[in-house]
Amino acid sequence: MQKQNENEEPTWCKILNTISKILILLGVFSSFLYNNIAQIIAPVLIILGFIINTIPNVYRNKYLDVALNIGLIVFILLVIIVNCLNR
């Protein structure tokens, strides 16, 4: 068996980072579509991407990134709430 380097990330961290990047990119691309369903799904995909991204950051003790992700989630939720109130 190979010994894992101390600085090397575990495989599940890499997988979760890849999944979160894909979800965020899908959310950004679907926000440009003019379809109602795509515009509803876009914030959900982005929020899920940020939530999944916090798990590896907590494992790696990157608490500034965790705080940034939580702040972005709160900001997106506030934008959604303000948008719903203005309709």
Protein backbone atom coordinates (compact mmCIF):
# COMPACT_ATOMS: atom_id res chain seq x y z
CA MET A 1 0.00 0.00 0.00
CA GLN A 2 1.14 3.48 -0.75
CA LYS A 3 1.54 5.89 2.10
CA GLN A 4 -0.57 8.99 1.65
CA ASN A 5 1.30 12.26 1.81
CA GLU A 6 0.23 14.52 4.69
CA ASN A 7 -0.42 17.47 2.37
CA GLU A 8 -2.40 15.44 -0.14
CA GLU A 9 -6.19 15.69 -0.07
CA PRO A 10 -8.30 12.57 0.39
CA THR A 11 -10.22 11.34 -2.62
CA TRP A 12 -13.60 12.26 -1.18
CA CYS A 13 -12.46 15.90 -0.81
CA LYS A 14 -11.52 16.01 -4.48
CA ILE A 15 -14.83 14.42 -5.48
CA LEU A 16 -16.89 16.85 -3.39
CA ASN A 17 -14.93 19.82 -4.76
CA THR A 18 -15.58 18.63 -8.32
CA ILE A 19 -19.29 18.10 -7.65
CA SER A 20 -19.61 21.55 -6.06
CA LYS A 21 -17.86 23.22 -9.00
CA ILE A 22 -20.13 21.43 -11.47
CA LEU A 23 -23.26 22.46 -9.54
CA ILE A 24 -22.15 26.09 -9.32
CA LEU A 25 -21.32 26.19 -13.04
CA LEU A 26 -24.66 24.59 -13.94
CA GLY A 27 -26.42 27.16 -11.77
CA VAL A 28 -24.59 30.05 -13.41
CA PHE A 29 -25.26 28.76 -16.92
CA SER A 30 -28.91 28.05 -16.20
CA SER A 31 -29.38 31.56 -14.79
CA PHE A 32 -28.66 32.93 -18.27
CA LEU A 33 -31.52 30.93 -19.78
CA TYR A 34 -34.84 32.67 -20.17
CA ASN A 35 -36.84 29.61 -19.22
CA ASN A 36 -38.81 30.01 -15.97
CA ILE A 37 -37.87 26.56 -14.70
CA ALA A 38 -34.16 27.14 -15.32
CA GLN A 39 -34.26 30.45 -13.45
CA ILE A 40 -35.92 28.76 -10.47
CA ILE A 41 -33.40 25.91 -10.44
CA ALA A 42 -30.31 28.16 -10.81
CA PRO A 43 -30.21 29.50 -7.22
CA VAL A 44 -30.88 26.02 -5.85
CA LEU A 45 -27.93 24.58 -7.79
CA ILE A 46 -25.64 27.40 -6.68
CA ILE A 47 -26.65 27.05 -3.02
CA LEU A 48 -26.17 23.26 -3.16
CA GLY A 49 -22.73 23.79 -4.69
CA PHE A 50 -21.72 26.12 -1.86
CA ILE A 51 -23.12 23.76 0.79
CA ILE A 52 -21.21 20.81 -0.65
CA ASN A 53 -18.08 22.98 -0.88
CA THR A 54 -18.15 23.69 2.86
CA ILE A 55 -17.66 20.02 3.81
CA PRO A 56 -14.08 19.64 2.46
CA ASN A 57 -13.19 23.12 3.72
CA VAL A 58 -14.19 22.18 7.27
CA TYR A 59 -12.10 19.00 6.98
CA ARG A 60 -9.07 21.02 5.80
CA ASN A 61 -9.62 23.65 8.54
CA LYS A 62 -10.20 26.46 6.03
CA TYR A 63 -12.72 28.30 8.15
CA LEU A 64 -12.43 31.56 6.18
CA ASP A 65 -13.66 29.72 3.08
CA VAL A 66 -16.47 28.18 5.13
CA ALA A 67 -17.52 31.62 6.36
CA LEU A 68 -17.37 32.96 2.80
CA ASN A 69 -19.54 30.10 1.52
CA ILE A 70 -22.10 30.65 4.28
CA GLY A 71 -22.10 34.39 3.57
CA LEU A 72 -22.73 33.76 -0.12
CA ILE A 73 -25.58 31.38 0.69
CA VAL A 74 -27.18 34.00 2.94
CA PHE A 75 -26.71 36.66 0.24
CA ILE A 76 -28.37 34.48 -2.41
CA LEU A 77 -31.26 33.71 -0.07
CA LEU A 78 -31.70 37.43 0.66
CA VAL A 79 -31.77 38.21 -3.06
CA ILE A 80 -34.42 35.53 -3.58
CA ILE A 81 -36.54 36.87 -0.70
CA VAL A 82 -36.30 40.48 -1.91
CA ASN A 83 -37.14 39.36 -5.44
CA CYS A 84 -40.21 37.49 -4.20
CA LEU A 85 -41.39 40.46 -2.13
CA ASN A 86 -41.14 42.84 -5.09
CA ARG A 87 -43.42 40.76 -7.32
